[in-house]
PDB file of all heavy atoms in Angstrom:
ATOM      1  N   LEU A   1       9.423 155.395 147.303  1.00  0.00           N
ATOM      2  CA  LEU A   1       9.634 156.830 147.135  1.00  0.00           C
ATOM      3  C   LEU A   1       9.013 157.583 148.315  1.00  0.00           C
ATOM      4  O   LEU A   1       7.812 157.492 148.552  1.00  0.00           O
ATOM      5  CB  LEU A   1       9.021 157.314 145.816  1.00  0.00           C
ATOM      6  CG  LEU A   1       9.731 156.844 144.548  1.00  0.00           C
ATOM      7  CD1 LEU A   1       8.910 157.172 143.315  1.00  0.00           C
ATOM      8  CD2 LEU A   1      11.119 157.476 144.447  1.00  0.00           C
ATOM      9  N   LYS A   2       9.864 158.325 149.025  1.00  0.00           N
ATOM     10  CA  LYS A   2       9.422 159.098 150.186  1.00  0.00           C
ATOM     11  C   LYS A   2       8.849 160.440 149.740  1.00  0.00           C
ATOM     12  O   LYS A   2       9.023 160.873 148.601  1.00  0.00           O
ATOM     13  CB  LYS A   2      10.593 159.318 151.145  1.00  0.00           C
ATOM     14  CG  LYS A   2      11.212 158.030 151.680  1.00  0.00           C
ATOM     15  CD  LYS A   2      12.339 158.334 152.667  1.00  0.00           C
ATOM     16  CE  LYS A   2      13.499 159.036 151.989  1.00  0.00           C
ATOM     17  NZ  LYS A   2      14.648 159.226 152.918  1.00  0.00           N
ATOM     18  N   GLY A   3       8.171 161.114 150.697  1.00  0.00           N
ATOM     19  CA  GLY A   3       7.521 162.376 150.385  1.00  0.00           C
ATOM     20  C   GLY A   3       8.462 163.421 149.830  1.00  0.00           C
ATOM     21  O   GLY A   3       8.149 164.092 148.836  1.00  0.00           O
ATOM     22  N   ASP A   4       9.627 163.605 150.440  1.00  0.00           N
ATOM     23  CA  ASP A   4      10.567 164.621 149.955  1.00  0.00           C
ATOM     24  C   ASP A   4      11.043 164.301 148.545  1.00  0.00           C
ATOM     25  O   ASP A   4      11.284 165.220 147.738  1.00  0.00           O
ATOM     26  CB  ASP A   4      11.760 164.728 150.900  1.00  0.00           C
ATOM     27  CG  ASP A   4      11.401 165.392 152.217  1.00  0.00           C
ATOM     28  OD1 ASP A   4      10.318 166.003 152.298  1.00  0.00           O
ATOM     29  OD2 ASP A   4      12.203 165.298 153.164  1.00  0.00           O
ATOM     30  N   GLU A   5      11.185 163.014 148.240  1.00  0.00           N
ATOM     31  CA  GLU A   5      11.606 162.616 146.896  1.00  0.00           C
ATOM     32  C   GLU A   5      10.509 162.893 145.879  1.00  0.00           C
ATOM     33  O   GLU A   5      10.776 163.382 144.767  1.00  0.00           O
ATOM     34  CB  GLU A   5      11.993 161.141 146.895  1.00  0.00           C
ATOM     35  CG  GLU A   5      13.237 160.854 147.730  1.00  0.00           C
ATOM     36  CD  GLU A   5      13.443 159.387 148.041  1.00  0.00           C
ATOM     37  OE1 GLU A   5      12.447 158.624 148.046  1.00  0.00           O
ATOM     38  OE2 GLU A   5      14.602 158.998 148.295  1.00  0.00           O
ATOM     39  N   VAL A   6       9.264 162.602 146.251  1.00  0.00           N
ATOM     40  CA  VAL A   6       8.140 162.881 145.352  1.00  0.00           C
ATOM     41  C   VAL A   6       8.037 164.379 145.092  1.00  0.00           C
ATOM     42  O   VAL A   6       7.869 164.821 143.951  1.00  0.00           O
ATOM     43  CB  VAL A   6       6.826 162.346 145.954  1.00  0.00           C
ATOM     44  CG1 VAL A   6       5.628 162.788 145.126  1.00  0.00           C
ATOM     45  CG2 VAL A   6       6.865 160.831 146.056  1.00  0.00           C
ATOM     46  N   ARG A   7       8.158 165.171 146.154  1.00  0.00           N
ATOM     47  CA  ARG A   7       8.061 166.629 145.999  1.00  0.00           C
ATOM     48  C   ARG A   7       9.149 167.150 145.063  1.00  0.00           C
ATOM     49  O   ARG A   7       8.882 167.992 144.186  1.00  0.00           O
ATOM     50  CB  ARG A   7       8.165 167.303 147.365  1.00  0.00           C
ATOM     51  CG  ARG A   7       8.026 168.824 147.297  1.00  0.00           C
ATOM     52  CD  ARG A   7       8.092 169.472 148.668  1.00  0.00           C
ATOM     53  NE  ARG A   7       6.872 169.215 149.424  1.00  0.00           N
ATOM     54  CZ  ARG A   7       6.806 168.411 150.466  1.00  0.00           C
ATOM     55  NH1 ARG A   7       7.887 167.740 150.882  1.00  0.00           N
ATOM     56  NH2 ARG A   7       5.677 168.245 151.117  1.00  0.00           N
ATOM     57  N   ALA A   8      10.358 166.655 145.216  1.00  0.00           N
ATOM     58  CA  ALA A   8      11.453 167.116 144.363  1.00  0.00           C
ATOM     59  C   ALA A   8      11.230 166.715 142.909  1.00  0.00           C
ATOM     60  O   ALA A   8      11.512 167.494 141.988  1.00  0.00           O
ATOM     61  CB  ALA A   8      12.782 166.556 144.872  1.00  0.00           C
ATOM     62  N   LEU A   9      10.728 165.518 142.677  1.00  0.00           N
ATOM     63  CA  LEU A   9      10.489 165.056 141.313  1.00  0.00           C
ATOM     64  C   LEU A   9       9.400 165.853 140.611  1.00  0.00           C
ATOM     65  O   LEU A   9       9.392 165.961 139.378  1.00  0.00           O
ATOM     66  CB  LEU A   9      10.119 163.568 141.327  1.00  0.00           C
ATOM     67  CG  LEU A   9      11.256 162.606 141.658  1.00  0.00           C
ATOM     68  CD1 LEU A   9      10.710 161.230 142.010  1.00  0.00           C
ATOM     69  CD2 LEU A   9      12.238 162.511 140.496  1.00  0.00           C
ATOM     70  N   LEU A  10       8.468 166.417 141.374  1.00  0.00           N
ATOM     71  CA  LEU A  10       7.352 167.165 140.788  1.00  0.00           C
ATOM     72  C   LEU A  10       7.551 168.672 140.840  1.00  0.00           C
ATOM     73  O   LEU A  10       6.701 169.414 140.337  1.00  0.00           O
ATOM     74  CB  LEU A  10       6.044 166.797 141.511  1.00  0.00           C
ATOM     75  CG  LEU A  10       5.566 165.359 141.303  1.00  0.00           C
ATOM     76  CD1 LEU A  10       4.286 165.107 142.085  1.00  0.00           C
ATOM     77  CD2 LEU A  10       5.353 165.055 139.826  1.00  0.00           C
ATOM     78  N   GLN A  11       8.650 169.122 141.405  1.00  0.00           N
ATOM     79  CA  GLN A  11       8.885 170.566 141.511  1.00  0.00           C
ATOM     80  C   GLN A  11       8.938 171.214 140.131  1.00  0.00           C
ATOM     81  O   GLN A  11       9.670 170.771 139.241  1.00  0.00           O
ATOM     82  CB  GLN A  11      10.184 170.837 142.259  1.00  0.00           C
ATOM     83  CG  GLN A  11      10.442 172.312 142.527  1.00  0.00           C
ATOM     84  CD  GLN A  11      11.665 172.535 143.385  1.00  0.00           C
ATOM     85  OE1 GLN A  11      12.310 171.585 143.830  1.00  0.00           O
ATOM     86  NE2 GLN A  11      12.016 173.782 143.634  1.00  0.00           N
ATOM     87  N   GLY A  12       8.153 172.257 139.949  1.00  0.00           N
ATOM     88  CA  GLY A  12       8.146 172.995 138.687  1.00  0.00           C
ATOM     89  C   GLY A  12       7.503 172.269 137.529  1.00  0.00           C
ATOM     90  O   GLY A  12       7.631 172.704 136.372  1.00  0.00           O
ATOM     91  N   GLN A  13       6.772 171.208 137.796  1.00  0.00           N
ATOM     92  CA  GLN A  13       6.191 170.387 136.732  1.00  0.00           C
ATOM     93  C   GLN A  13       4.687 170.640 136.551  1.00  0.00           C
ATOM     94  O   GLN A  13       3.967 169.778 136.078  1.00  0.00           O
ATOM     95  CB  GLN A  13       6.416 168.909 137.049  1.00  0.00           C
ATOM     96  CG  GLN A  13       7.865 168.492 137.114  1.00  0.00           C
ATOM     97  CD  GLN A  13       8.574 168.718 135.794  1.00  0.00           C
ATOM     98  OE1 GLN A  13       8.090 168.312 134.734  1.00  0.00           O
ATOM     99  NE2 GLN A  13       9.734 169.357 135.850  1.00  0.00           N
ATOM    100  N   GLU A  14       4.218 171.832 136.884  1.00  0.00           N
ATOM    101  CA  GLU A  14       2.777 172.087 136.856  1.00  0.00           C
ATOM    102  C   GLU A  14       2.171 171.867 135.468  1.00  0.00           C
ATOM    103  O   GLU A  14       1.105 171.243 135.340  1.00  0.00           O
ATOM    104  CB  GLU A  14       2.478 173.509 137.343  1.00  0.00           C
ATOM    105  CG  GLU A  14       2.647 173.694 138.841  1.00  0.00           C
ATOM    106  CD  GLU A  14       4.101 173.874 139.260  1.00  0.00           C
ATOM    107  OE1 GLU A  14       4.931 174.216 138.382  1.00  0.00           O
ATOM    108  OE2 GLU A  14       4.411 173.665 140.454  1.00  0.00           O
ATOM    109  N   HIS A  15       2.799 172.359 134.441  1.00  0.00           N
ATOM    110  CA  HIS A  15       2.225 172.198 133.097  1.00  0.00           C
ATOM    111  C   HIS A  15       2.219 170.729 132.667  1.00  0.00           C
ATOM    112  O   HIS A  15       1.247 170.251 132.067  1.00  0.00           O
ATOM    113  CB  HIS A  15       2.974 173.071 132.085  1.00  0.00           C
ATOM    114  CG  HIS A  15       2.724 174.540 132.251  1.00  0.00           C
ATOM    115  ND1 HIS A  15       1.501 175.124 131.973  1.00  0.00           N
ATOM    116  CD2 HIS A  15       3.532 175.541 132.688  1.00  0.00           C
ATOM    117  CE1 HIS A  15       1.567 176.431 132.216  1.00  0.00           C
ATOM    118  NE2 HIS A  15       2.789 176.695 132.650  1.00  0.00           N
ATOM    119  N   GLU A  16       3.295 170.010 132.976  1.00  0.00           N
ATOM    120  CA  GLU A  16       3.336 168.584 132.646  1.00  0.00           C
ATOM    121  C   GLU A  16       2.293 167.818 133.454  1.00  0.00           C
ATOM    122  O   GLU A  16       1.645 166.889 132.941  1.00  0.00           O
ATOM    123  CB  GLU A  16       4.731 168.028 132.921  1.00  0.00           C
ATOM    124  CG  GLU A  16       4.892 166.552 132.581  1.00  0.00           C
ATOM    125  CD  GLU A  16       4.657 166.254 131.116  1.00  0.00           C
ATOM    126  OE1 GLU A  16       4.853 167.166 130.265  1.00  0.00           O
ATOM    127  OE2 GLU A  16       4.261 165.105 130.805  1.00  0.00           O
ATOM    128  N   LEU A  17       2.088 168.198 134.696  1.00  0.00           N
ATOM    129  CA  LEU A  17       1.061 167.553 135.514  1.00  0.00           C
ATOM    130  C   LEU A  17      -0.331 167.801 134.934  1.00  0.00           C
ATOM    131  O   LEU A  17      -1.167 166.892 134.905  1.00  0.00           O
ATOM    132  CB  LEU A  17       1.136 168.071 136.951  1.00  0.00           C
ATOM    133  CG  LEU A  17       2.232 167.438 137.809  1.00  0.00           C
ATOM    134  CD1 LEU A  17       2.555 168.314 139.014  1.00  0.00           C
ATOM    135  CD2 LEU A  17       1.826 166.054 138.265  1.00  0.00           C
ATOM    136  N   MET A  18      -0.593 169.004 134.475  1.00  0.00           N
ATOM    137  CA  MET A  18      -1.899 169.280 133.870  1.00  0.00           C
ATOM    138  C   MET A  18      -2.099 168.477 132.589  1.00  0.00           C
ATOM    139  O   MET A  18      -3.196 167.966 132.330  1.00  0.00           O
ATOM    140  CB  MET A  18      -2.057 170.783 133.623  1.00  0.00           C
ATOM    141  CG  MET A  18      -2.339 171.574 134.893  1.00  0.00           C
ATOM    142  SD  MET A  18      -2.722 173.329 134.603  1.00  0.00           S
ATOM    143  CE  MET A  18      -1.064 173.994 134.402  1.00  0.00           C
ATOM    144  N   ARG A  19      -1.043 168.345 131.806  1.00  0.00           N
ATOM    145  CA  ARG A  19      -1.164 167.515 130.596  1.00  0.00           C
ATOM    146  C   ARG A  19      -1.422 166.056 130.972  1.00  0.00           C
ATOM    147  O   ARG A  19      -2.231 165.364 130.319  1.00  0.00           O
ATOM    148  CB  ARG A  19       0.121 167.632 129.758  1.00  0.00           C
ATOM    149  CG  ARG A  19       0.246 168.942 128.999  1.00  0.00           C
ATOM    150  CD  ARG A  19       1.378 168.903 128.004  1.00  0.00           C
ATOM    151  NE  ARG A  19       2.683 168.920 128.655  1.00  0.00           N
ATOM    152  CZ  ARG A  19       3.365 170.037 128.934  1.00  0.00           C
ATOM    153  NH1 ARG A  19       2.852 171.214 128.627  1.00  0.00           N
ATOM    154  NH2 ARG A  19       4.553 169.985 129.515  1.00  0.00           N
ATOM    155  N   THR A  20      -0.756 165.581 132.004  1.00  0.00           N
ATOM    156  CA  THR A  20      -0.925 164.196 132.441  1.00  0.00           C
ATOM    157  C   THR A  20      -2.344 163.957 132.951  1.00  0.00           C
ATOM    158  O   THR A  20      -2.988 162.950 132.616  1.00  0.00           O
ATOM    159  CB  THR A  20       0.094 163.865 133.539  1.00  0.00           C
ATOM    160  OG1 THR A  20       1.420 163.980 132.994  1.00  0.00           O
ATOM    161  CG2 THR A  20      -0.102 162.459 134.082  1.00  0.00           C
ATOM    162  N   VAL A  21      -2.856 164.873 133.772  1.00  0.00           N
ATOM    163  CA  VAL A  21      -4.205 164.731 134.315  1.00  0.00           C
ATOM    164  C   VAL A  21      -5.242 164.803 133.194  1.00  0.00           C
ATOM    165  O   VAL A  21      -6.214 164.030 133.180  1.00  0.00           O
ATOM    166  CB  VAL A  21      -4.450 165.799 135.390  1.00  0.00           C
ATOM    167  CG1 VAL A  21      -5.929 165.915 135.746  1.00  0.00           C
ATOM    168  CG2 VAL A  21      -3.635 165.466 136.638  1.00  0.00           C
ATOM    169  N   ARG A  22      -5.051 165.696 132.246  1.00  0.00           N
ATOM    170  CA  ARG A  22      -5.990 165.768 131.121  1.00  0.00           C
ATOM    171  C   ARG A  22      -5.988 164.458 130.337  1.00  0.00           C
ATOM    172  O   ARG A  22      -7.046 163.936 129.959  1.00  0.00           O
ATOM    173  CB  ARG A  22      -5.652 166.932 130.209  1.00  0.00           C
ATOM    174  CG  ARG A  22      -6.514 166.959 128.952  1.00  0.00           C
ATOM    175  CD  ARG A  22      -6.396 168.223 128.152  1.00  0.00           C
ATOM    176  NE  ARG A  22      -7.210 168.123 126.949  1.00  0.00           N
ATOM    177  CZ  ARG A  22      -7.622 169.158 126.234  1.00  0.00           C
ATOM    178  NH1 ARG A  22      -7.296 170.382 126.595  1.00  0.00           N
ATOM    179  NH2 ARG A  22      -8.354 168.979 125.144  1.00  0.00           N
ATOM    180  N   ALA A  23      -4.807 163.913 130.074  1.00  0.00           N
ATOM    181  CA  ALA A  23      -4.731 162.645 129.344  1.00  0.00           C
ATOM    182  C   ALA A  23      -5.424 161.523 130.111  1.00  0.00           C
ATOM    183  O   ALA A  23      -6.077 160.651 129.516  1.00  0.00           O
ATOM    184  CB  ALA A  23      -3.269 162.282 129.078  1.00  0.00           C
ATOM    185  N   ALA A  24      -5.308 161.532 131.437  1.00  0.00           N
ATOM    186  CA  ALA A  24      -5.983 160.518 132.250  1.00  0.00           C
ATOM    187  C   ALA A  24      -7.495 160.665 132.148  1.00  0.00           C
ATOM    188  O   ALA A  24      -8.227 159.679 132.031  1.00  0.00           O
ATOM    189  CB  ALA A  24      -5.520 160.625 133.703  1.00  0.00           C
ATOM    190  N   TYR A  25      -7.987 161.900 132.235  1.00  0.00           N
ATOM    191  CA  TYR A  25      -9.422 162.140 132.074  1.00  0.00           C
ATOM    192  C   TYR A  25      -9.918 161.621 130.723  1.00  0.00           C
ATOM    193  O   TYR A  25     -10.979 160.999 130.618  1.00  0.00           O
ATOM    194  CB  TYR A  25      -9.718 163.633 132.171  1.00  0.00           C
ATOM    195  CG  TYR A  25      -9.978 164.150 133.562  1.00  0.00           C
ATOM    196  CD1 TYR A  25      -9.397 165.355 133.989  1.00  0.00           C
ATOM    197  CD2 TYR A  25     -10.820 163.487 134.449  1.00  0.00           C
ATOM    198  CE1 TYR A  25      -9.643 165.858 135.262  1.00  0.00           C
ATOM    199  CE2 TYR A  25     -11.072 163.982 135.716  1.00  0.00           C
ATOM    200  CZ  TYR A  25     -10.484 165.170 136.120  1.00  0.00           C
ATOM    201  OH  TYR A  25     -10.741 165.665 137.375  1.00  0.00           O
ATOM    202  N   GLU A  26      -9.162 161.896 129.685  1.00  0.00           N
ATOM    203  CA  GLU A  26      -9.589 161.502 128.342  1.00  0.00           C
ATOM    204  C   GLU A  26      -9.557 159.994 128.169  1.00  0.00           C
ATOM    205  O   GLU A  26     -10.434 159.408 127.528  1.00  0.00           O
ATOM    206  CB  GLU A  26      -8.729 162.215 127.299  1.00  0.00           C
ATOM    207  CG  GLU A  26      -8.987 163.721 127.262  1.00  0.00           C
ATOM    208  CD  GLU A  26      -8.074 164.462 126.303  1.00  0.00           C
ATOM    209  OE1 GLU A  26      -7.070 163.861 125.846  1.00  0.00           O
ATOM    210  OE2 GLU A  26      -8.341 165.648 126.011  1.00  0.00           O
ATOM    211  N   ALA A  27      -8.544 159.327 128.742  1.00  0.00           N
ATOM    212  CA  ALA A  27      -8.501 157.868 128.688  1.00  0.00           C
ATOM    213  C   ALA A  27      -9.684 157.263 129.431  1.00  0.00           C
ATOM    214  O   ALA A  27     -10.312 156.299 128.971  1.00  0.00           O
ATOM    215  CB  ALA A  27      -7.184 157.359 129.273  1.00  0.00           C
TER     216      ALA A  27
END
């Protein structure tokens, strides 16, 4: 996965990213 592909996959996903990071912290 190249940088432009990663950026596109994460575009507009801020709330989902925060949920993912919180779950990682808790694990």
